[in-house]
Amino acid sequence: MLKGFFNVPTPVNEPILNYGPGSKERALLKEALAEARSHQQDIPMYIGGKQVHTTKKGKVVPPHDHQHILAQYSIGDKTHVAQAIDAALAAKEDWENLSWEHRAAIFLKAADLIAGKYRYKLNAATMLGQSKNAYQAEIDAACELIDFLRFNVSYMSDIYKQQPPVSPRGNWNRVEQRPLEGFVFALTPFNFTAIAANLPASAAMMGNVVVWKAADTQVYAANLLMEIFREAGLPDGVINLVYADGPETGEVIFNHPDFAGIHFTGSTKVFQEIWKTIGTNIHKYKSYPRIVGETGGKDFILVHPSAQVDIANTAIVRGAFEYQGQKCSAASRVYIAESLWPEIKKQMLRDLATFKMGGTEDFSNFINAVIDERSFDKLAKYIDQAKKDKGVEIIAGGNYDKSKGYFVEPTVLVVDDPKYTTMCEELFGPVLTVYVYADQDFDSILKVIDTTSPYALTGALIAQDRYAIDKASHALRNSAGNFYINDKCTGAVVGQQPFGGARGSGTNDKAGSMINLLRWVSPRTIKEVFESPTDYRYPFLAED
């Protein structure tokens, strides 16, 4: 076996392709979209080395064209979850004993596969299955995922390099980073293909074995991710992908003595229930499980009187309406200084009037569909209620239609009450609520922002006044795990802005950083003595 200290390739952020008219990437992506729509797939679960099909099937449809069937997928039950755990544990010894550079090589190869031969196929799967436009799919399924894989390999090597700084003469002190004892459960969301891949991959990279349950509305891209991992050389059983009922899956996972941790992105309510269940079952586990979760958000943009209007407007319309407001980081509440509101409103309405809404295959559409009927109905309910409530004005949008796809117009509410429902509750869609405050009330609006919702994921401040920037940065220090100055509150980049929030938004373990990977190892300190004592007596025991 080869021995050595290995330097991994220096990671750099994957360049973003623009998909402009006449570009090579535009043509290749349209070709991939047409190919994906031309036939139905039969998507299996992946347990050990087997592709598992069942008679119970679910349908995959584009949210913007829900009569078209892209695929059917096999729905499992408790027995399949148990089989996935068994397969993971069976693979554990060989995987954790594999030299780290070989684990690294697998995920570096996966990154290259995504950057190359699978780029357009994976982007197309994300566009069709999750209704993302070409640019949103590119920055997610291609660039962010490639960045996760490459930067995480670098972070992994940095973690292994960290050793005790002192080894006195006659001693050698060292630390090894062991994978967790048991298996990790990855429970992933619909809205980012990169997150769906990173949650199981980051744990696996550190030598863990994983049971992965993808969201039903992300199955289409998840299947392709497994194909990519397998082509990259991931051994059977290291990551096992199942599709089963959530509570049934949890009943098996959270009662198993080898449950070692959960890597989660999803709703706050679900995460809190999971935490409660783990606490109830804590006596059943071999070790205290690692609980890592990124959950909800009620993300804000604060516009100070000194802000530049065009910067504020662009941050608002992009932050609120890219990917239909279905990013965890999307702006959903905005506080605007009264003196700037007339001009910002003018620019906002001007830009909203140019938005085109429709399917992702038409690249001129900026707005696509929300993910499913459940989300559509929830958003429609909030919009209908806003139309009835006093003190609420709908200045843009307010319409919706699900006859062909789950389309909700980008909607802007202006409210008199900064604690109105849509300023406080997470909607997860293209509904933005604006509160206009008196310029002289800037200090008090900081307190309002800090106390309005239980979340603390992202936030942004648009201002030129440096004293105001300093004041807001301090006052809102616990209101957002990712805080942006003169930019929108979305768009964290791996290696640049590690992502995560606290309070009701999660454990703030910062995906895209070394912090997150440290959660998937259990360090062992080793002290080796070369000049060992041979007499129990210490000098102080000697007689005078």
Protein backbone atom coordinates (compact mmCIF):
# COMPACT_ATOMS: atom_id res chain seq x y z
CA MET A 1 0.00 0.00 0.00
CA LEU A 2 1.33 3.44 -0.93
CA LYS A 3 2.23 5.73 1.95
CA GLY A 4 2.61 9.48 1.99
CA PHE A 5 1.18 12.85 2.97
CA PHE A 6 -0.94 13.90 0.04
CA ASN A 7 -1.85 17.39 -1.15
CA VAL A 8 -5.31 17.55 -2.70
CA PRO A 9 -6.07 19.74 -5.73
CA THR A 10 -6.59 23.35 -4.70
CA PRO A 11 -10.32 24.03 -5.05
CA VAL A 12 -11.65 26.99 -6.99
CA ASN A 13 -15.29 27.89 -7.53
CA GLU A 14 -16.76 26.35 -10.67
CA PRO A 15 -17.34 29.01 -13.38
CA ILE A 16 -21.01 29.74 -14.03
CA LEU A 17 -22.15 29.31 -17.62
CA ASN A 18 -24.55 32.01 -18.86
CA TYR A 19 -26.69 30.08 -21.41
CA GLY A 20 -27.07 33.14 -23.63
CA PRO A 21 -28.61 32.90 -27.13
CA GLY A 22 -26.28 31.18 -29.56
CA SER A 23 -24.07 29.70 -26.84
CA LYS A 24 -22.89 26.10 -26.95
CA GLU A 25 -24.18 25.43 -23.44
CA ARG A 26 -27.66 26.67 -24.35
CA ALA A 27 -27.89 24.25 -27.25
CA LEU A 28 -26.59 21.32 -25.18
CA LEU A 29 -29.00 22.04 -22.32
CA LYS A 30 -32.00 22.26 -24.66
CA GLU A 31 -30.92 18.94 -26.16
CA ALA A 32 -30.78 17.40 -22.67
CA LEU A 33 -34.22 18.78 -21.82
CA ALA A 34 -35.73 17.32 -24.99
CA GLU A 35 -34.12 13.95 -24.32
CA ALA A 36 -35.41 13.85 -20.73
CA ARG A 37 -38.96 14.69 -21.81
CA SER A 38 -38.94 12.12 -24.59
CA HIS A 39 -39.27 9.03 -22.41
CA GLN A 40 -40.41 7.89 -18.97
CA GLN A 41 -37.91 6.52 -16.49
CA ASP A 42 -38.48 3.75 -13.99
CA ILE A 43 -36.56 4.93 -10.94
CA PRO A 44 -35.40 2.37 -8.37
CA MET A 45 -34.17 2.62 -4.81
CA TYR A 46 -30.47 1.85 -4.27
CA ILE A 47 -29.79 -0.58 -1.43
CA GLY A 48 -26.35 -2.12 -1.23
CA GLY A 49 -25.39 -3.08 -4.74
CA LYS A 50 -28.97 -3.57 -5.87
CA GLN A 51 -31.47 -1.42 -7.70
CA VAL A 52 -34.68 -2.20 -5.88
CA HIS A 53 -38.04 -1.93 -7.62
CA THR A 54 -41.43 -2.27 -5.93
CA THR A 55 -44.97 -2.59 -7.19
CA LYS A 56 -46.05 0.57 -5.39
CA LYS A 57 -45.18 3.54 -7.61
CA GLY A 58 -45.06 7.31 -7.35
CA LYS A 59 -45.18 9.74 -10.27
CA VAL A 60 -42.63 12.41 -11.17
CA VAL A 61 -44.12 15.35 -13.08
CA PRO A 62 -42.76 18.78 -13.92
CA PRO A 63 -44.40 21.27 -11.52
CA HIS A 64 -44.95 23.60 -14.50
CA ASP A 65 -46.55 20.85 -16.62
CA HIS A 66 -48.13 18.40 -14.21
CA GLN A 67 -49.90 16.32 -16.87
CA HIS A 68 -46.58 15.18 -18.32
CA ILE A 69 -45.05 12.15 -16.58
CA LEU A 70 -41.26 12.16 -16.48
CA ALA A 71 -40.87 9.01 -14.45
CA GLN A 72 -42.32 6.61 -12.00
CA TYR A 73 -40.39 5.66 -8.90
CA SER A 74 -40.54 2.72 -6.53
CA ILE A 75 -41.96 3.47 -3.09
CA GLY A 76 -40.51 1.40 -0.28
CA ASP A 77 -41.64 0.55 3.22
CA LYS A 78 -40.09 -0.22 6.60
CA THR A 79 -38.48 -3.39 5.32
CA HIS A 80 -36.54 -1.44 2.70
CA VAL A 81 -35.34 1.07 5.28
CA ALA A 82 -34.14 -1.81 7.47
CA GLN A 83 -32.40 -3.36 4.46
CA ALA A 84 -30.70 -0.02 3.73
CA ILE A 85 -29.39 0.14 7.30
CA ASP A 86 -28.11 -3.42 7.08
CA ALA A 87 -26.41 -2.68 3.75
CA ALA A 88 -24.76 0.43 5.19
CA LEU A 89 -23.47 -1.37 8.25
CA ALA A 90 -22.19 -4.24 6.11
CA ALA A 91 -20.19 -1.75 4.01
CA LYS A 92 -18.90 0.19 7.01
CA GLU A 93 -15.69 -1.64 7.88
CA ASP A 94 -14.23 -1.65 4.37
CA TRP A 95 -15.25 1.96 3.73
CA GLU A 96 -13.88 3.45 6.94
CA ASN A 97 -10.65 1.48 6.52
CA LEU A 98 -10.15 2.73 2.97
CA SER A 99 -7.32 5.27 2.87
CA TRP A 100 -8.72 8.78 2.91
CA GLU A 101 -7.13 9.73 -0.40
CA HIS A 102 -9.16 7.04 -2.14
CA ARG A 103 -12.36 8.37 -0.61
CA ALA A 104 -11.30 11.82 -1.77
CA ALA A 105 -10.64 10.56 -5.30
CA ILE A 106 -14.18 9.22 -5.64
CA PHE A 107 -15.77 12.56 -4.84
CA LEU A 108 -13.27 14.53 -6.91
CA LYS A 109 -14.15 12.29 -9.84
CA ALA A 110 -17.86 12.87 -9.17
CA ALA A 111 -17.21 16.62 -9.33
CA ASP A 112 -15.46 16.24 -12.68
CA LEU A 113 -18.29 14.09 -14.02
CA ILE A 114 -20.80 16.79 -13.07
CA ALA A 115 -18.61 19.52 -14.54
CA GLY A 116 -18.30 17.54 -17.75
CA LYS A 117 -20.42 14.75 -19.21
CA TYR A 118 -23.33 15.04 -16.74
CA ARG A 119 -23.60 18.84 -16.45
CA TYR A 120 -26.49 19.34 -18.85
CA LYS A 121 -28.28 16.13 -17.94
CA LEU A 122 -28.23 17.03 -14.22
CA ASN A 123 -29.27 20.63 -14.89
CA ALA A 124 -32.08 19.39 -17.13
CA ALA A 125 -33.27 16.97 -14.45
CA THR A 126 -33.35 19.83 -11.94
CA MET A 127 -35.16 22.14 -14.36
CA LEU A 128 -37.82 19.55 -15.13
CA GLY A 129 -38.25 17.89 -11.76
CA GLN A 130 -37.97 20.99 -9.58
CA SER A 131 -39.02 23.74 -12.02
CA LYS A 132 -35.83 25.77 -11.95
CA ASN A 133 -34.84 27.99 -14.84
CA ALA A 134 -31.55 27.43 -16.62
CA TYR A 135 -29.52 29.87 -14.52
CA GLN A 136 -30.92 28.67 -11.18
CA ALA A 137 -30.23 25.05 -12.17
CA GLU A 138 -26.69 25.96 -13.26
CA ILE A 139 -25.75 27.67 -9.99
CA ASP A 140 -27.31 24.82 -7.99
CA ALA A 141 -27.03 21.41 -9.63
CA ALA A 142 -23.77 22.14 -11.41
CA CYS A 143 -21.72 24.85 -9.71
CA GLU A 144 -22.67 24.57 -6.04
CA LEU A 145 -22.53 20.80 -6.05
CA ILE A 146 -19.15 20.75 -7.78
CA ASP A 147 -17.92 23.29 -5.22
CA PHE A 148 -19.24 21.23 -2.30
CA LEU A 149 -17.37 18.15 -3.50
CA ARG A 150 -14.07 19.85 -4.30
CA PHE A 151 -13.93 22.17 -1.30
CA ASN A 152 -15.02 19.42 1.10
CA VAL A 153 -12.12 17.26 -0.03
CA SER A 154 -9.80 20.16 0.78
CA TYR A 155 -11.46 20.69 4.17
CA MET A 156 -11.16 16.97 4.88
CA SER A 157 -7.42 17.04 4.31
CA ASP A 158 -7.11 20.13 6.49
CA ILE A 159 -8.98 18.34 9.28
CA TYR A 160 -6.64 15.36 9.10
CA LYS A 161 -3.63 17.69 9.21
CA GLN A 162 -4.72 19.23 12.52
CA GLN A 163 -2.55 17.67 15.20
CA PRO A 164 -1.53 18.54 18.77
CA PRO A 165 1.13 21.28 18.60
CA VAL A 166 3.25 19.82 21.42
CA SER A 167 4.88 16.43 21.81
CA PRO A 168 7.43 16.66 24.67
CA ARG A 169 10.64 14.69 24.48
CA GLY A 170 9.91 11.02 24.91
CA ASN A 171 6.30 11.36 23.74
CA TRP A 172 4.39 11.52 20.48
CA ASN A 173 0.89 13.02 20.64
CA ARG A 174 -1.42 12.63 17.71
CA VAL A 175 -5.12 12.70 16.81
CA GLU A 176 -7.03 10.54 14.38
CA GLN A 177 -10.47 11.44 13.08
CA ARG A 178 -12.68 8.38 13.17
CA PRO A 179 -16.01 8.15 11.38
CA LEU A 180 -19.01 7.94 13.67
CA GLU A 181 -19.85 4.56 15.17
CA GLY A 182 -22.95 3.48 13.28
CA PHE A 183 -24.74 4.98 10.26
CA VAL A 184 -25.80 8.50 9.33
CA PHE A 185 -29.30 9.35 8.11
CA ALA A 186 -29.48 12.04 5.40
CA LEU A 187 -32.92 13.60 4.98
CA THR A 188 -32.87 16.02 2.06
CA PRO A 189 -35.16 18.72 0.60
CA PHE A 190 -36.61 19.41 -2.84
CA ASN A 191 -35.27 22.87 -3.50
CA PHE A 192 -31.54 22.29 -4.08
CA THR A 193 -30.00 19.39 -5.94
CA ALA A 194 -26.65 20.43 -4.43
CA ILE A 195 -27.99 20.10 -0.89
CA ALA A 196 -29.59 16.76 -1.71
CA ALA A 197 -26.20 15.44 -2.81
CA ASN A 198 -24.05 17.17 -0.19
CA LEU A 199 -25.91 15.92 2.87
CA PRO A 200 -25.11 12.24 2.25
CA ALA A 201 -21.80 12.89 0.45
CA SER A 202 -20.19 15.05 3.14
CA ALA A 203 -20.83 12.40 5.79
CA ALA A 204 -19.67 9.61 3.49
CA MET A 205 -16.51 11.52 2.57
CA MET A 206 -15.44 11.41 6.22
CA GLY A 207 -15.71 7.61 6.26
CA ASN A 208 -19.35 7.21 7.33
CA VAL A 209 -22.02 5.05 5.75
CA VAL A 210 -25.36 6.64 4.95
CA VAL A 211 -29.06 5.95 4.54
CA TRP A 212 -30.44 8.71 2.33
CA LYS A 213 -34.11 9.61 2.00
CA ALA A 214 -34.67 12.23 -0.70
CA ALA A 215 -37.78 14.39 -0.92
CA ASP A 216 -40.43 12.87 -3.18
CA THR A 217 -40.36 16.07 -5.26
CA GLN A 218 -36.59 15.71 -5.88
CA VAL A 219 -36.50 12.03 -6.83
CA TYR A 220 -35.78 12.72 -10.51
CA ALA A 221 -32.43 14.44 -9.90
CA ALA A 222 -31.62 12.27 -6.87
CA ASN A 223 -31.66 9.19 -9.07
CA LEU A 224 -29.14 10.75 -11.43
CA LEU A 225 -26.94 11.74 -8.50
CA MET A 226 -26.74 8.11 -7.44
CA GLU A 227 -25.80 7.11 -10.97
CA ILE A 228 -23.00 9.70 -10.90
CA PHE A 229 -21.70 8.57 -7.51
CA ARG A 230 -21.69 4.97 -8.66
CA GLU A 231 -19.85 5.84 -11.88
CA ALA A 232 -17.31 7.77 -9.80
CA GLY A 233 -16.54 4.54 -7.95
CA LEU A 234 -18.55 4.81 -4.75
CA PRO A 235 -18.68 1.28 -3.30
CA ASP A 236 -22.00 -0.50 -2.83
CA GLY A 237 -23.70 0.20 0.47
CA VAL A 238 -21.86 3.39 1.35
CA ILE A 239 -24.84 5.56 0.36
CA ASN A 240 -28.22 3.84 0.18
CA LEU A 241 -31.11 5.78 -1.35
CA VAL A 242 -34.68 4.94 -0.28
CA TYR A 243 -38.09 6.42 -0.98
CA ALA A 244 -40.52 5.64 1.79
CA ASP A 245 -43.10 7.28 4.01
CA GLY A 246 -41.44 9.78 6.38
CA PRO A 247 -42.91 8.59 9.70
CA GLU A 248 -42.37 4.93 8.75
CA THR A 249 -38.77 5.66 7.83
CA GLY A 250 -38.23 7.54 11.08
CA GLU A 251 -39.70 4.70 13.12
CA VAL A 252 -37.01 2.35 11.83
CA ILE A 253 -34.13 4.82 11.80
CA PHE A 254 -34.63 6.40 15.20
CA ASN A 255 -35.13 3.13 17.03
CA HIS A 256 -31.96 1.53 15.71
CA PRO A 257 -29.05 1.21 18.18
CA ASP A 258 -26.53 2.06 15.44
CA PHE A 259 -28.14 5.39 14.55
CA ALA A 260 -25.17 7.79 14.79
CA GLY A 261 -26.43 11.06 13.36
CA ILE A 262 -28.78 12.94 11.08
CA HIS A 263 -27.90 15.43 8.36
CA PHE A 264 -31.10 17.33 7.64
CA THR A 265 -32.46 20.20 5.58
CA GLY A 266 -36.19 20.83 5.73
CA SER A 267 -38.92 22.33 7.84
CA THR A 268 -38.43 23.51 11.40
CA LYS A 269 -41.46 21.57 12.59
CA VAL A 270 -40.16 18.26 11.20
CA PHE A 271 -36.69 18.87 12.62
CA GLN A 272 -38.08 19.61 16.07
CA GLU A 273 -40.11 16.41 15.99
CA ILE A 274 -37.01 14.48 14.98
CA TRP A 275 -35.01 16.06 17.81
CA LYS A 276 -37.76 15.15 20.27
CA THR A 277 -37.84 11.55 19.04
CA ILE A 278 -34.07 11.22 19.31
CA GLY A 279 -34.23 12.57 22.85
CA THR A 280 -36.92 10.08 23.80
CA ASN A 281 -34.86 7.21 22.36
CA ILE A 282 -31.46 8.39 23.56
CA HIS A 283 -31.02 5.35 25.82
CA LYS A 284 -31.26 3.04 22.82
CA TYR A 285 -28.19 4.31 20.98
CA LYS A 286 -24.58 3.18 21.25
CA SER A 287 -23.45 6.82 21.20
CA TYR A 288 -25.02 10.26 21.37
CA PRO A 289 -26.16 11.00 17.80
CA ARG A 290 -24.95 14.06 15.94
CA ILE A 291 -27.93 16.26 15.06
CA VAL A 292 -27.19 18.66 12.22
CA GLY A 293 -30.02 20.58 10.63
CA GLU A 294 -30.72 23.61 8.47
CA THR A 295 -34.40 24.46 8.67
CA GLY A 296 -36.77 27.36 8.02
CA GLY A 297 -36.26 31.03 7.47
CA LYS A 298 -38.15 34.31 7.42
CA ASP A 299 -35.41 36.24 5.74
CA PHE A 300 -35.30 40.02 5.69
CA ILE A 301 -33.94 42.95 3.75
CA LEU A 302 -33.60 46.27 5.56
CA VAL A 303 -33.30 49.41 3.44
CA HIS A 304 -31.74 52.36 5.27
CA PRO A 305 -32.48 55.97 4.20
CA SER A 306 -28.91 56.22 2.87
CA ALA A 307 -29.35 53.26 0.49
CA GLN A 308 -28.93 53.50 -3.27
CA VAL A 309 -32.34 52.86 -4.73
CA ASP A 310 -31.25 50.73 -7.70
CA ILE A 311 -29.14 48.49 -5.45
CA ALA A 312 -32.05 48.08 -3.03
CA ASN A 313 -34.54 47.28 -5.76
CA THR A 314 -32.33 44.69 -7.45
CA ALA A 315 -31.58 43.00 -4.14
CA ILE A 316 -35.30 42.85 -3.36
CA VAL A 317 -36.63 41.51 -6.66
CA ARG A 318 -33.84 38.96 -7.04
CA GLY A 319 -33.80 37.96 -3.39
CA ALA A 320 -37.56 37.50 -3.22
CA PHE A 321 -38.46 35.98 -6.57
CA GLU A 322 -35.58 33.92 -7.94
CA TYR A 323 -36.67 30.29 -7.92
CA GLN A 324 -40.16 31.48 -6.95
CA GLY A 325 -39.03 32.36 -3.43
CA GLN A 326 -38.39 28.69 -2.64
CA LYS A 327 -34.85 29.13 -1.38
CA CYS A 328 -34.33 28.81 2.37
CA SER A 329 -32.60 32.18 2.09
CA ALA A 330 -35.24 33.96 -0.01
CA ALA A 331 -36.30 37.45 1.05
CA SER A 332 -39.86 37.36 2.32
CA ARG A 333 -40.04 40.50 4.49
CA VAL A 334 -38.64 43.88 3.59
CA TYR A 335 -38.39 47.05 5.64
CA ILE A 336 -37.99 50.21 3.55
CA ALA A 337 -37.33 53.77 4.66
CA GLU A 338 -40.29 56.01 3.89
CA SER A 339 -38.18 58.55 1.99
CA LEU A 340 -37.05 55.89 -0.50
CA TRP A 341 -40.27 53.95 -0.84
CA PRO A 342 -41.85 55.89 -3.76
CA GLU A 343 -38.83 55.40 -6.02
CA ILE A 344 -38.20 51.80 -4.94
CA LYS A 345 -41.86 50.98 -5.52
CA LYS A 346 -41.67 52.53 -8.99
CA GLN A 347 -38.60 50.50 -9.93
CA MET A 348 -39.97 47.32 -8.39
CA LEU A 349 -43.24 47.53 -10.32
CA ARG A 350 -41.32 48.35 -13.49
CA ASP A 351 -39.18 45.22 -13.11
CA LEU A 352 -42.04 42.95 -12.06
CA ALA A 353 -43.93 43.98 -15.19
CA THR A 354 -41.13 42.51 -17.30
CA PHE A 355 -41.14 39.11 -15.56
CA LYS A 356 -42.28 36.27 -17.78
CA MET A 357 -43.78 33.20 -16.10
CA GLY A 358 -44.01 29.70 -17.56
CA GLY A 359 -42.15 26.45 -18.10
CA THR A 360 -38.42 26.10 -17.67
CA GLU A 361 -37.90 24.92 -21.23
CA ASP A 362 -38.61 28.46 -22.45
CA PHE A 363 -35.44 30.29 -21.38
CA SER A 364 -37.16 33.68 -21.45
CA ASN A 365 -39.21 32.74 -18.36
CA PHE A 366 -37.78 34.23 -15.19
CA ILE A 367 -40.57 32.77 -13.01
CA ASN A 368 -41.54 29.11 -13.07
CA ALA A 369 -43.90 26.96 -10.99
CA VAL A 370 -43.93 26.29 -7.27
CA ILE A 371 -43.03 22.75 -6.38
CA ASP A 372 -46.41 21.01 -5.96
CA GLU A 373 -50.13 21.39 -5.35
CA ARG A 374 -49.75 21.47 -1.58
CA SER A 375 -47.43 24.46 -1.79
CA PHE A 376 -49.68 26.12 -4.37
CA ASP A 377 -52.78 25.76 -2.19
CA LYS A 378 -50.97 27.13 0.86
CA LEU A 379 -49.79 30.21 -1.00
CA ALA A 380 -53.19 30.79 -2.56
CA LYS A 381 -54.75 30.71 0.91
CA TYR A 382 -52.39 33.40 2.22
CA ILE A 383 -52.98 35.58 -0.85
CA ASP A 384 -56.76 35.24 -0.55
CA GLN A 385 -56.62 36.19 3.11
CA ALA A 386 -54.47 39.22 2.32
CA LYS A 387 -57.09 40.40 -0.16
CA LYS A 388 -59.64 40.43 2.66
CA ASP A 389 -57.56 41.95 5.44
CA LYS A 390 -57.58 45.64 6.23
CA GLY A 391 -54.22 47.33 6.35
CA VAL A 392 -52.89 45.18 3.49
CA GLU A 393 -52.46 46.40 -0.09
CA ILE A 394 -51.50 44.07 -2.94
CA ILE A 395 -49.46 46.24 -5.29
CA ALA A 396 -48.33 43.45 -7.64
CA GLY A 397 -49.46 39.94 -8.50
CA GLY A 398 -52.13 38.30 -6.39
CA ASN A 399 -53.18 35.80 -9.06
CA TYR A 400 -52.54 32.08 -9.40
CA ASP A 401 -53.48 29.18 -11.69
CA LYS A 402 -52.84 25.45 -11.41
CA SER A 403 -54.65 24.22 -14.52
CA LYS A 404 -51.41 23.37 -16.34
CA GLY A 405 -48.73 24.00 -13.71
CA TYR A 406 -48.54 25.32 -10.18
CA PHE A 407 -48.11 28.97 -11.10
CA VAL A 408 -48.29 31.74 -8.52
CA GLU A 409 -47.63 35.28 -9.68
CA PRO A 410 -44.87 37.17 -7.90
CA THR A 411 -46.95 38.98 -5.30
CA VAL A 412 -46.04 42.05 -3.26
CA LEU A 413 -48.04 42.98 -0.15
CA VAL A 414 -47.63 46.32 1.62
CA VAL A 415 -48.77 46.18 5.24
CA ASP A 416 -49.49 48.70 7.97
CA ASP A 417 -48.57 46.26 10.73
CA PRO A 418 -44.96 45.01 10.89
CA LYS A 419 -46.26 41.93 12.74
CA TYR A 420 -48.83 41.02 10.08
CA THR A 421 -49.05 37.26 9.42
CA THR A 422 -46.95 37.22 6.25
CA MET A 423 -44.21 39.20 7.99
CA CYS A 424 -43.89 36.45 10.58
CA GLU A 425 -44.76 33.07 9.08
CA GLU A 426 -42.68 31.19 6.53
CA LEU A 427 -44.56 30.90 3.21
CA PHE A 428 -41.82 29.48 0.95
CA GLY A 429 -43.07 30.99 -2.26
CA PRO A 430 -43.13 34.15 -4.41
CA VAL A 431 -44.94 36.34 -1.86
CA LEU A 432 -43.07 39.36 -0.52
CA THR A 433 -44.34 41.58 2.28
CA VAL A 434 -43.17 45.19 2.60
CA TYR A 435 -43.36 47.43 5.65
CA VAL A 436 -42.54 51.10 5.18
CA TYR A 437 -41.03 52.73 8.26
CA ALA A 438 -40.40 56.37 9.12
CA ASP A 439 -36.77 57.30 8.52
CA GLN A 440 -36.30 58.44 12.11
CA ASP A 441 -37.48 55.03 13.37
CA PHE A 442 -34.43 53.12 12.11
CA ASP A 443 -33.26 52.19 15.61
CA SER A 444 -36.66 50.83 16.61
CA ILE A 445 -37.10 48.89 13.36
CA LEU A 446 -33.93 46.97 14.22
CA LYS A 447 -35.68 45.65 17.32
CA VAL A 448 -38.76 44.81 15.29
CA ILE A 449 -36.70 42.76 12.82
CA ASP A 450 -34.90 40.93 15.62
CA THR A 451 -38.12 39.91 17.38
CA THR A 452 -40.57 39.32 14.54
CA SER A 453 -39.96 35.64 13.74
CA PRO A 454 -38.40 32.62 15.44
CA TYR A 455 -35.95 32.21 12.56
CA ALA A 456 -32.42 33.49 12.04
CA LEU A 457 -31.19 32.26 8.67
CA THR A 458 -30.34 35.17 6.33
CA GLY A 459 -30.74 38.90 6.26
CA ALA A 460 -29.49 41.88 4.29
CA LEU A 461 -28.87 45.57 4.89
CA ILE A 462 -28.81 48.09 2.07
CA ALA A 463 -27.09 51.29 3.22
CA GLN A 464 -24.27 53.75 2.47
CA ASP A 465 -24.05 55.24 5.98
CA ARG A 466 -21.21 53.37 7.71
CA TYR A 467 -22.47 54.24 11.19
CA ALA A 468 -25.84 52.72 10.26
CA ILE A 469 -24.10 49.63 8.87
CA ASP A 470 -22.15 49.24 12.10
CA LYS A 471 -25.24 49.72 14.25
CA ALA A 472 -27.39 47.27 12.27
CA SER A 473 -24.62 44.67 12.07
CA HIS A 474 -24.45 44.62 15.87
CA ALA A 475 -28.17 44.89 16.58
CA LEU A 476 -29.00 42.06 14.14
CA ARG A 477 -26.04 39.83 15.06
CA ASN A 478 -28.35 37.03 16.24
CA SER A 479 -31.01 37.58 13.58
CA ALA A 480 -29.20 35.91 10.68
CA GLY A 481 -26.45 33.32 10.34
CA ASN A 482 -25.65 34.80 6.92
CA PHE A 483 -25.76 38.61 6.83
CA TYR A 484 -25.30 40.57 3.62
CA ILE A 485 -24.40 44.24 3.24
CA ASN A 486 -25.50 45.91 0.00
CA ASP A 487 -26.53 42.66 -1.61
CA LYS A 488 -29.51 40.32 -1.67
CA CYS A 489 -29.89 37.81 1.15
CA THR A 490 -29.47 34.77 -1.12
CA GLY A 491 -26.61 33.26 -3.09
CA ALA A 492 -24.12 31.89 -0.55
CA VAL A 493 -21.10 30.43 -2.35
CA VAL A 494 -19.12 27.44 -1.08
CA GLY A 495 -15.69 28.53 0.09
CA GLN A 496 -16.86 32.13 0.40
CA GLN A 497 -19.94 32.30 2.62
CA PRO A 498 -20.45 29.14 4.73
CA PHE A 499 -24.20 28.75 5.06
CA GLY A 500 -26.48 28.20 8.04
CA GLY A 501 -28.55 29.92 10.70
CA ALA A 502 -29.47 29.56 14.34
CA ARG A 503 -32.62 30.02 16.45
CA GLY A 504 -35.46 28.24 14.64
CA SER A 505 -33.36 28.03 11.47
CA GLY A 506 -31.11 25.20 12.56
CA THR A 507 -27.91 24.19 14.27
CA ASN A 508 -25.74 26.61 12.25
CA ASP A 509 -23.16 23.98 11.35
CA LYS A 510 -22.30 25.86 8.16
CA ALA A 511 -22.55 23.71 5.05
CA GLY A 512 -19.65 24.40 2.73
CA SER A 513 -17.07 24.68 5.49
CA MET A 514 -14.79 22.61 7.69
CA ILE A 515 -17.26 23.21 10.55
CA ASN A 516 -19.81 20.90 8.97
CA LEU A 517 -17.35 18.09 8.23
CA LEU A 518 -16.12 18.11 11.82
CA ARG A 519 -19.61 16.98 12.84
CA TRP A 520 -19.13 13.69 10.99
CA VAL A 521 -15.98 12.55 12.77
CA SER A 522 -15.19 11.44 16.30
CA PRO A 523 -11.58 12.28 17.24
CA ARG A 524 -9.34 9.86 19.09
CA THR A 525 -6.30 11.23 20.91
CA ILE A 526 -3.29 8.93 21.02
CA LYS A 527 -0.32 9.40 23.32
CA GLU A 528 2.64 7.17 22.67
CA VAL A 529 5.46 7.19 25.24
CA PHE A 530 9.01 6.27 24.21
CA GLU A 531 10.64 6.69 27.62
CA SER A 532 8.10 5.03 29.88
CA PRO A 533 8.27 5.34 33.69
CA THR A 534 9.49 2.24 35.50
CA ASP A 535 8.93 3.36 39.12
CA TYR A 536 5.75 4.73 40.62
CA ARG A 537 7.64 7.01 43.04
CA TYR A 538 7.71 10.78 42.38
CA PRO A 539 10.66 12.91 43.57
CA PHE A 540 8.58 14.68 46.22
CA LEU A 541 8.25 11.39 48.10
CA ALA A 542 11.96 11.26 48.92
CA GLU A 543 12.94 11.95 52.54
CA ASP A 544 14.95 15.08 53.46
